């Protein structure tokens, strides 16, 4: 329990609260640092593997609304998983085949806008609720 709420619920809401205070350039910079620009560009849906570095620059192009949605969502999931499991596990989780995603990776599932599935997969890891 955290502040009278189950930890999973508190983690979910605190991750969202922290992310909405950041602009998309800062979110992108943090994702680039955590996952690398190629993976961030991929999850955002860009064919340009350097796109995330451009979005992170103050003078760079503004990503479109669908890209922003994926970036913000990915960073929320990063925060949730890293907070509970650590950054190394979070990185492995993003790039590894995931049974909750039919053995696809969270990176590709986010790219395909399977956000609810990815959110459930992240929560399952946090809750340790997968019994395979």
N, C-alpha and C. Protein backbone atom coordinates (compact mmCIF):
# COMPACT_ATOMS: atom_id res chain seq x y z
N UNK A 1 0.84 -1.19 0.00
CA UNK A 1 0.00 0.00 0.00
C UNK A 1 0.88 1.25 0.00
N UNK A 2 0.45 2.24 -0.76
CA UNK A 2 1.15 3.52 -0.82
C UNK A 2 0.08 4.60 -0.71
N UNK A 3 0.13 5.41 0.32
CA UNK A 3 -0.87 6.44 0.54
C UNK A 3 -2.29 5.87 0.54
N UNK A 4 -2.46 4.67 1.09
CA UNK A 4 -3.77 4.07 1.18
C UNK A 4 -4.24 3.40 -0.11
N UNK A 5 -3.42 3.39 -1.16
CA UNK A 5 -3.79 2.77 -2.43
C UNK A 5 -2.90 1.57 -2.68
N UNK A 6 -3.40 0.58 -3.40
CA UNK A 6 -2.50 -0.51 -3.78
C UNK A 6 -1.32 0.06 -4.56
N UNK A 7 -0.13 -0.54 -4.43
CA UNK A 7 1.07 -0.02 -5.07
C UNK A 7 0.89 0.09 -6.58
N UNK A 8 0.29 -0.90 -7.23
CA UNK A 8 0.13 -0.87 -8.69
C UNK A 8 -0.67 0.35 -9.12
N UNK A 9 -1.76 0.65 -8.43
CA UNK A 9 -2.58 1.81 -8.78
C UNK A 9 -1.81 3.10 -8.51
N UNK A 10 -1.12 3.17 -7.38
CA UNK A 10 -0.34 4.36 -7.05
C UNK A 10 0.75 4.58 -8.09
N UNK A 11 1.42 3.50 -8.51
CA UNK A 11 2.48 3.60 -9.52
C UNK A 11 1.92 4.09 -10.84
N UNK A 12 0.79 3.54 -11.26
CA UNK A 12 0.17 3.92 -12.53
C UNK A 12 -0.15 5.41 -12.54
N UNK A 13 -0.77 5.88 -11.49
CA UNK A 13 -1.17 7.29 -11.45
C UNK A 13 0.01 8.22 -11.25
N UNK A 14 1.00 7.82 -10.46
CA UNK A 14 2.14 8.70 -10.25
C UNK A 14 2.98 8.80 -11.51
N UNK A 15 3.08 7.73 -12.29
CA UNK A 15 3.82 7.78 -13.55
C UNK A 15 3.14 8.75 -14.51
N UNK A 16 1.84 8.69 -14.60
CA UNK A 16 1.11 9.59 -15.50
C UNK A 16 1.25 11.03 -15.03
N UNK A 17 1.15 11.24 -13.75
CA UNK A 17 1.25 12.60 -13.19
C UNK A 17 2.61 13.22 -13.49
N UNK A 18 3.67 12.42 -13.36
CA UNK A 18 5.02 12.93 -13.65
C UNK A 18 5.20 13.24 -15.13
N UNK A 19 4.66 12.40 -15.99
CA UNK A 19 4.85 12.57 -17.43
C UNK A 19 4.11 13.80 -17.95
N UNK A 20 2.90 14.04 -17.48
CA UNK A 20 2.14 15.18 -18.04
C UNK A 20 2.77 16.52 -17.69
N UNK A 21 3.68 16.53 -16.74
CA UNK A 21 4.37 17.78 -16.39
C UNK A 21 5.54 18.08 -17.32
N UNK A 22 5.89 17.11 -18.17
CA UNK A 22 7.04 17.26 -19.07
C UNK A 22 6.56 17.60 -20.48
N UNK A 23 7.36 18.36 -21.22
CA UNK A 23 7.02 18.58 -22.62
C UNK A 23 7.56 17.40 -23.43
N UNK A 24 7.07 17.27 -24.65
CA UNK A 24 7.40 16.10 -25.47
C UNK A 24 8.90 16.03 -25.78
N UNK A 25 9.56 17.16 -25.84
CA UNK A 25 11.02 17.14 -26.10
C UNK A 25 11.76 16.50 -24.93
N UNK A 26 11.35 16.83 -23.72
CA UNK A 26 11.99 16.23 -22.54
C UNK A 26 11.64 14.75 -22.43
N UNK A 27 10.41 14.38 -22.71
CA UNK A 27 10.02 12.97 -22.72
C UNK A 27 10.90 12.21 -23.71
N UNK A 28 11.08 12.78 -24.90
CA UNK A 28 11.89 12.14 -25.94
C UNK A 28 13.34 12.03 -25.50
N UNK A 29 13.88 13.07 -24.90
CA UNK A 29 15.27 13.01 -24.41
C UNK A 29 15.44 11.88 -23.40
N UNK A 30 14.49 11.77 -22.49
CA UNK A 30 14.59 10.73 -21.46
C UNK A 30 14.45 9.32 -22.05
N UNK A 31 13.53 9.17 -23.01
CA UNK A 31 13.41 7.87 -23.67
C UNK A 31 14.67 7.55 -24.47
N UNK A 32 15.22 8.55 -25.15
CA UNK A 32 16.48 8.33 -25.90
C UNK A 32 17.58 7.84 -24.96
N UNK A 33 17.67 8.45 -23.79
CA UNK A 33 18.70 8.06 -22.83
C UNK A 33 18.46 6.63 -22.31
N UNK A 34 17.21 6.27 -22.16
CA UNK A 34 16.87 4.95 -21.61
C UNK A 34 16.95 3.83 -22.64
N UNK A 35 16.45 4.10 -23.84
CA UNK A 35 16.28 3.04 -24.84
C UNK A 35 17.15 3.21 -26.08
N UNK A 36 17.65 4.41 -26.30
CA UNK A 36 18.39 4.69 -27.54
C UNK A 36 17.46 5.24 -28.60
N UNK A 37 18.00 6.12 -29.43
CA UNK A 37 17.19 6.82 -30.42
C UNK A 37 16.54 5.94 -31.46
N UNK A 38 17.21 4.87 -31.87
CA UNK A 38 16.63 4.00 -32.88
C UNK A 38 15.36 3.33 -32.37
N UNK A 39 15.40 2.81 -31.15
CA UNK A 39 14.21 2.17 -30.58
C UNK A 39 13.09 3.17 -30.34
N UNK A 40 13.45 4.38 -29.91
CA UNK A 40 12.44 5.40 -29.67
C UNK A 40 11.78 5.81 -30.99
N UNK A 41 12.58 6.00 -32.02
CA UNK A 41 12.03 6.33 -33.34
C UNK A 41 11.12 5.21 -33.82
N UNK A 42 11.54 3.97 -33.59
CA UNK A 42 10.74 2.81 -34.01
C UNK A 42 9.40 2.76 -33.29
N UNK A 43 9.41 2.88 -31.97
CA UNK A 43 8.15 2.79 -31.24
C UNK A 43 7.22 3.95 -31.59
N UNK A 44 7.80 5.08 -31.97
CA UNK A 44 6.99 6.24 -32.35
C UNK A 44 6.36 6.08 -33.73
N UNK A 45 6.88 5.13 -34.51
CA UNK A 45 6.32 4.89 -35.83
C UNK A 45 7.07 5.55 -36.96
N UNK A 46 8.27 6.05 -36.70
CA UNK A 46 9.05 6.74 -37.72
C UNK A 46 9.95 5.76 -38.47
N UNK A 47 10.10 5.99 -39.76
CA UNK A 47 11.05 5.20 -40.56
C UNK A 47 12.46 5.78 -40.45
N UNK A 48 12.56 7.04 -40.02
CA UNK A 48 13.84 7.71 -39.82
C UNK A 48 14.38 7.34 -38.45
N UNK A 49 15.45 6.55 -38.41
CA UNK A 49 15.98 6.08 -37.13
C UNK A 49 16.57 7.20 -36.28
N UNK A 50 16.78 8.36 -36.86
CA UNK A 50 17.34 9.51 -36.12
C UNK A 50 16.23 10.50 -35.72
N UNK A 51 14.99 10.21 -36.05
CA UNK A 51 13.89 11.16 -35.81
C UNK A 51 13.79 11.57 -34.34
N UNK A 52 13.96 10.62 -33.43
CA UNK A 52 13.80 10.96 -32.02
C UNK A 52 14.84 11.96 -31.54
N UNK A 53 16.04 11.92 -32.13
CA UNK A 53 17.06 12.91 -31.76
C UNK A 53 16.64 14.30 -32.25
N UNK A 54 16.01 14.35 -33.40
CA UNK A 54 15.53 15.63 -33.94
C UNK A 54 14.40 16.18 -33.08
N UNK A 55 13.46 15.33 -32.67
CA UNK A 55 12.35 15.77 -31.83
C UNK A 55 12.83 16.26 -30.47
N UNK A 56 13.93 15.71 -29.99
CA UNK A 56 14.44 16.06 -28.66
C UNK A 56 15.08 17.44 -28.63
N UNK A 57 15.53 17.94 -29.79
CA UNK A 57 16.18 19.25 -29.85
C UNK A 57 15.15 20.36 -29.72
N UNK A 58 15.52 21.41 -28.97
CA UNK A 58 14.63 22.56 -28.80
C UNK A 58 14.25 23.20 -30.13
N UNK A 59 15.15 23.17 -31.08
CA UNK A 59 14.89 23.78 -32.39
C UNK A 59 14.46 22.75 -33.43
N UNK A 60 14.25 21.52 -32.99
CA UNK A 60 13.88 20.45 -33.91
C UNK A 60 12.41 20.49 -34.29
N UNK A 61 12.03 19.62 -35.23
CA UNK A 61 10.63 19.57 -35.65
C UNK A 61 9.74 19.05 -34.52
N UNK A 62 8.51 19.49 -34.53
CA UNK A 62 7.52 19.03 -33.54
C UNK A 62 6.91 17.74 -34.06
N UNK A 63 6.94 16.67 -33.28
CA UNK A 63 6.32 15.43 -33.74
C UNK A 63 4.80 15.59 -33.81
N UNK A 64 4.17 14.85 -34.71
CA UNK A 64 2.72 14.89 -34.86
C UNK A 64 2.00 14.30 -33.65
N UNK A 65 0.69 14.49 -33.59
CA UNK A 65 -0.08 14.05 -32.41
C UNK A 65 -0.03 12.55 -32.15
N UNK A 66 -0.02 11.73 -33.19
CA UNK A 66 0.05 10.27 -32.98
C UNK A 66 1.42 9.88 -32.41
N UNK A 67 2.45 10.53 -32.88
CA UNK A 67 3.80 10.27 -32.37
C UNK A 67 3.90 10.72 -30.92
N UNK A 68 3.37 11.89 -30.62
CA UNK A 68 3.39 12.39 -29.24
C UNK A 68 2.67 11.41 -28.32
N UNK A 69 1.52 10.90 -28.77
CA UNK A 69 0.76 9.94 -27.96
C UNK A 69 1.61 8.71 -27.66
N UNK A 70 2.30 8.18 -28.65
CA UNK A 70 3.13 6.99 -28.45
C UNK A 70 4.31 7.28 -27.52
N UNK A 71 4.95 8.43 -27.73
CA UNK A 71 6.10 8.80 -26.89
C UNK A 71 5.70 8.95 -25.43
N UNK A 72 4.63 9.68 -25.19
CA UNK A 72 4.17 9.90 -23.82
C UNK A 72 3.76 8.57 -23.18
N UNK A 73 3.03 7.76 -23.93
CA UNK A 73 2.61 6.46 -23.41
C UNK A 73 3.84 5.59 -23.09
N UNK A 74 4.80 5.55 -24.01
CA UNK A 74 6.00 4.74 -23.79
C UNK A 74 6.74 5.21 -22.54
N UNK A 75 6.83 6.51 -22.35
CA UNK A 75 7.54 7.01 -21.18
C UNK A 75 6.78 6.68 -19.89
N UNK A 76 5.47 6.73 -19.94
CA UNK A 76 4.68 6.33 -18.76
C UNK A 76 4.99 4.88 -18.41
N UNK A 77 5.02 4.01 -19.42
CA UNK A 77 5.29 2.59 -19.17
C UNK A 77 6.72 2.41 -18.65
N UNK A 78 7.66 3.17 -19.23
CA UNK A 78 9.04 3.12 -18.75
C UNK A 78 9.09 3.48 -17.26
N UNK A 79 8.43 4.56 -16.91
CA UNK A 79 8.43 5.00 -15.52
C UNK A 79 7.84 3.93 -14.60
N UNK A 80 6.72 3.37 -14.99
CA UNK A 80 6.06 2.35 -14.16
C UNK A 80 6.97 1.15 -13.94
N UNK A 81 7.52 0.62 -15.02
CA UNK A 81 8.34 -0.58 -14.91
C UNK A 81 9.65 -0.29 -14.20
N UNK A 82 10.33 0.79 -14.58
CA UNK A 82 11.63 1.12 -13.97
C UNK A 82 11.50 1.41 -12.49
N UNK A 83 10.41 2.05 -12.10
CA UNK A 83 10.21 2.38 -10.70
C UNK A 83 10.12 1.13 -9.82
N UNK A 84 9.48 0.10 -10.34
CA UNK A 84 9.28 -1.12 -9.56
C UNK A 84 10.40 -2.14 -9.79
N UNK A 85 10.83 -2.30 -11.03
CA UNK A 85 11.75 -3.38 -11.39
C UNK A 85 13.19 -2.91 -11.66
N UNK A 86 13.41 -1.61 -11.82
CA UNK A 86 14.73 -1.09 -12.13
C UNK A 86 14.88 -0.83 -13.63
N UNK A 87 15.84 0.03 -13.98
CA UNK A 87 16.01 0.44 -15.36
C UNK A 87 16.47 -0.70 -16.27
N UNK A 88 17.34 -1.56 -15.78
CA UNK A 88 17.82 -2.66 -16.62
C UNK A 88 16.65 -3.57 -17.02
N UNK A 89 15.82 -3.94 -16.07
CA UNK A 89 14.66 -4.78 -16.36
C UNK A 89 13.70 -4.05 -17.28
N UNK A 90 13.52 -2.77 -17.08
CA UNK A 90 12.62 -2.00 -17.95
C UNK A 90 13.10 -2.03 -19.39
N UNK A 91 14.40 -1.87 -19.60
CA UNK A 91 14.94 -1.88 -20.96
C UNK A 91 14.75 -3.25 -21.60
N UNK A 92 15.07 -4.29 -20.86
CA UNK A 92 14.90 -5.66 -21.37
C UNK A 92 13.42 -5.92 -21.66
N UNK A 93 12.55 -5.44 -20.81
CA UNK A 93 11.11 -5.63 -21.00
C UNK A 93 10.66 -4.98 -22.32
N UNK A 94 11.13 -3.78 -22.62
CA UNK A 94 10.72 -3.08 -23.84
C UNK A 94 11.17 -3.81 -25.11
N UNK A 95 12.32 -4.46 -25.07
CA UNK A 95 12.86 -5.04 -26.31
C UNK A 95 12.66 -6.55 -26.41
N UNK A 96 12.16 -7.17 -25.34
CA UNK A 96 12.02 -8.62 -25.33
C UNK A 96 10.65 -9.09 -25.77
N UNK A 97 10.61 -10.31 -26.31
CA UNK A 97 9.34 -10.94 -26.66
C UNK A 97 8.50 -11.07 -25.39
N UNK A 98 7.22 -10.74 -25.49
CA UNK A 98 6.38 -10.67 -24.31
C UNK A 98 5.15 -11.57 -24.47
N UNK A 99 4.96 -12.51 -23.55
CA UNK A 99 3.82 -13.42 -23.67
C UNK A 99 2.47 -12.70 -23.63
N UNK A 100 2.40 -11.57 -22.95
CA UNK A 100 1.15 -10.80 -22.89
C UNK A 100 0.85 -10.10 -24.22
N UNK A 101 1.84 -10.03 -25.09
CA UNK A 101 1.69 -9.36 -26.39
C UNK A 101 1.84 -10.37 -27.54
N UNK A 102 1.46 -11.62 -27.26
CA UNK A 102 1.58 -12.69 -28.25
C UNK A 102 3.03 -12.81 -28.74
N UNK A 103 3.96 -12.63 -27.83
CA UNK A 103 5.40 -12.72 -28.07
C UNK A 103 5.93 -11.65 -29.02
N UNK A 104 5.21 -10.57 -29.14
CA UNK A 104 5.73 -9.38 -29.81
C UNK A 104 6.46 -8.57 -28.75
N UNK A 105 7.21 -7.55 -29.15
CA UNK A 105 7.88 -6.70 -28.18
C UNK A 105 7.00 -5.49 -27.86
N UNK A 106 7.13 -4.93 -26.67
CA UNK A 106 6.41 -3.71 -26.38
C UNK A 106 6.73 -2.58 -27.37
N UNK A 107 7.98 -2.51 -27.84
CA UNK A 107 8.36 -1.49 -28.83
C UNK A 107 7.44 -1.58 -30.05
N UNK A 108 7.29 -2.78 -30.60
CA UNK A 108 6.47 -2.95 -31.81
C UNK A 108 4.99 -2.79 -31.51
N UNK A 109 4.55 -3.25 -30.35
CA UNK A 109 3.14 -3.12 -29.99
C UNK A 109 2.76 -1.64 -29.82
N UNK A 110 3.64 -0.84 -29.26
CA UNK A 110 3.37 0.60 -29.15
C UNK A 110 3.32 1.21 -30.54
N UNK A 111 4.25 0.85 -31.40
CA UNK A 111 4.26 1.34 -32.79
C UNK A 111 2.94 1.04 -33.48
N UNK A 112 2.35 -0.13 -33.17
CA UNK A 112 1.09 -0.56 -33.78
C UNK A 112 -0.14 -0.05 -33.02
N UNK A 113 0.06 0.85 -32.07
CA UNK A 113 -1.02 1.44 -31.28
C UNK A 113 -1.80 0.43 -30.44
N UNK A 114 -1.12 -0.61 -30.01
CA UNK A 114 -1.74 -1.60 -29.12
C UNK A 114 -1.48 -1.17 -27.67
N UNK A 115 -1.86 0.06 -27.37
CA UNK A 115 -1.48 0.68 -26.11
C UNK A 115 -2.12 -0.01 -24.91
N UNK A 116 -3.39 -0.38 -25.04
CA UNK A 116 -4.05 -1.06 -23.92
C UNK A 116 -3.34 -2.38 -23.61
N UNK A 117 -2.98 -3.13 -24.65
CA UNK A 117 -2.27 -4.40 -24.45
C UNK A 117 -0.93 -4.17 -23.76
N UNK A 118 -0.21 -3.15 -24.20
CA UNK A 118 1.11 -2.85 -23.61
C UNK A 118 0.94 -2.42 -22.15
N UNK A 119 -0.04 -1.58 -21.89
CA UNK A 119 -0.30 -1.16 -20.51
C UNK A 119 -0.63 -2.35 -19.62
N UNK A 120 -1.42 -3.29 -20.14
CA UNK A 120 -1.75 -4.49 -19.37
C UNK A 120 -0.52 -5.36 -19.15
N UNK A 121 0.34 -5.45 -20.17
CA UNK A 121 1.57 -6.24 -20.04
C UNK A 121 2.51 -5.62 -19.01
N UNK A 122 2.62 -4.31 -19.01
CA UNK A 122 3.46 -3.63 -18.01
C UNK A 122 2.90 -3.85 -16.61
N UNK A 123 1.60 -3.73 -16.48
CA UNK A 123 0.97 -3.93 -15.18
C UNK A 123 1.15 -5.37 -14.71
N UNK A 124 1.06 -6.32 -15.64
CA UNK A 124 1.25 -7.72 -15.28
C UNK A 124 2.66 -7.96 -14.73
N UNK A 125 3.65 -7.33 -15.36
CA UNK A 125 5.02 -7.45 -14.87
C UNK A 125 5.13 -6.86 -13.47
N UNK A 126 4.57 -5.69 -13.30
CA UNK A 126 4.63 -5.02 -12.00
C UNK A 126 3.92 -5.83 -10.92
N UNK A 127 2.76 -6.35 -11.29
CA UNK A 127 1.97 -7.14 -10.34
C UNK A 127 2.47 -8.56 -10.19
N UNK A 128 3.39 -8.97 -11.12
CA UNK A 128 3.89 -10.34 -11.16
C UNK A 128 2.71 -11.30 -11.29
N UNK A 129 1.77 -10.91 -12.20
CA UNK A 129 0.54 -11.68 -12.28
C UNK A 129 0.51 -12.66 -13.44
N UNK A 130 1.58 -12.78 -14.22
CA UNK A 130 1.55 -13.73 -15.32
C UNK A 130 1.80 -15.12 -14.80
N UNK A 131 0.87 -16.00 -15.07
CA UNK A 131 1.08 -17.40 -14.69
C UNK A 131 0.89 -18.21 -15.96
N UNK A 132 2.01 -18.40 -16.63
CA UNK A 132 2.02 -18.87 -17.93
C UNK A 132 1.79 -20.21 -18.31
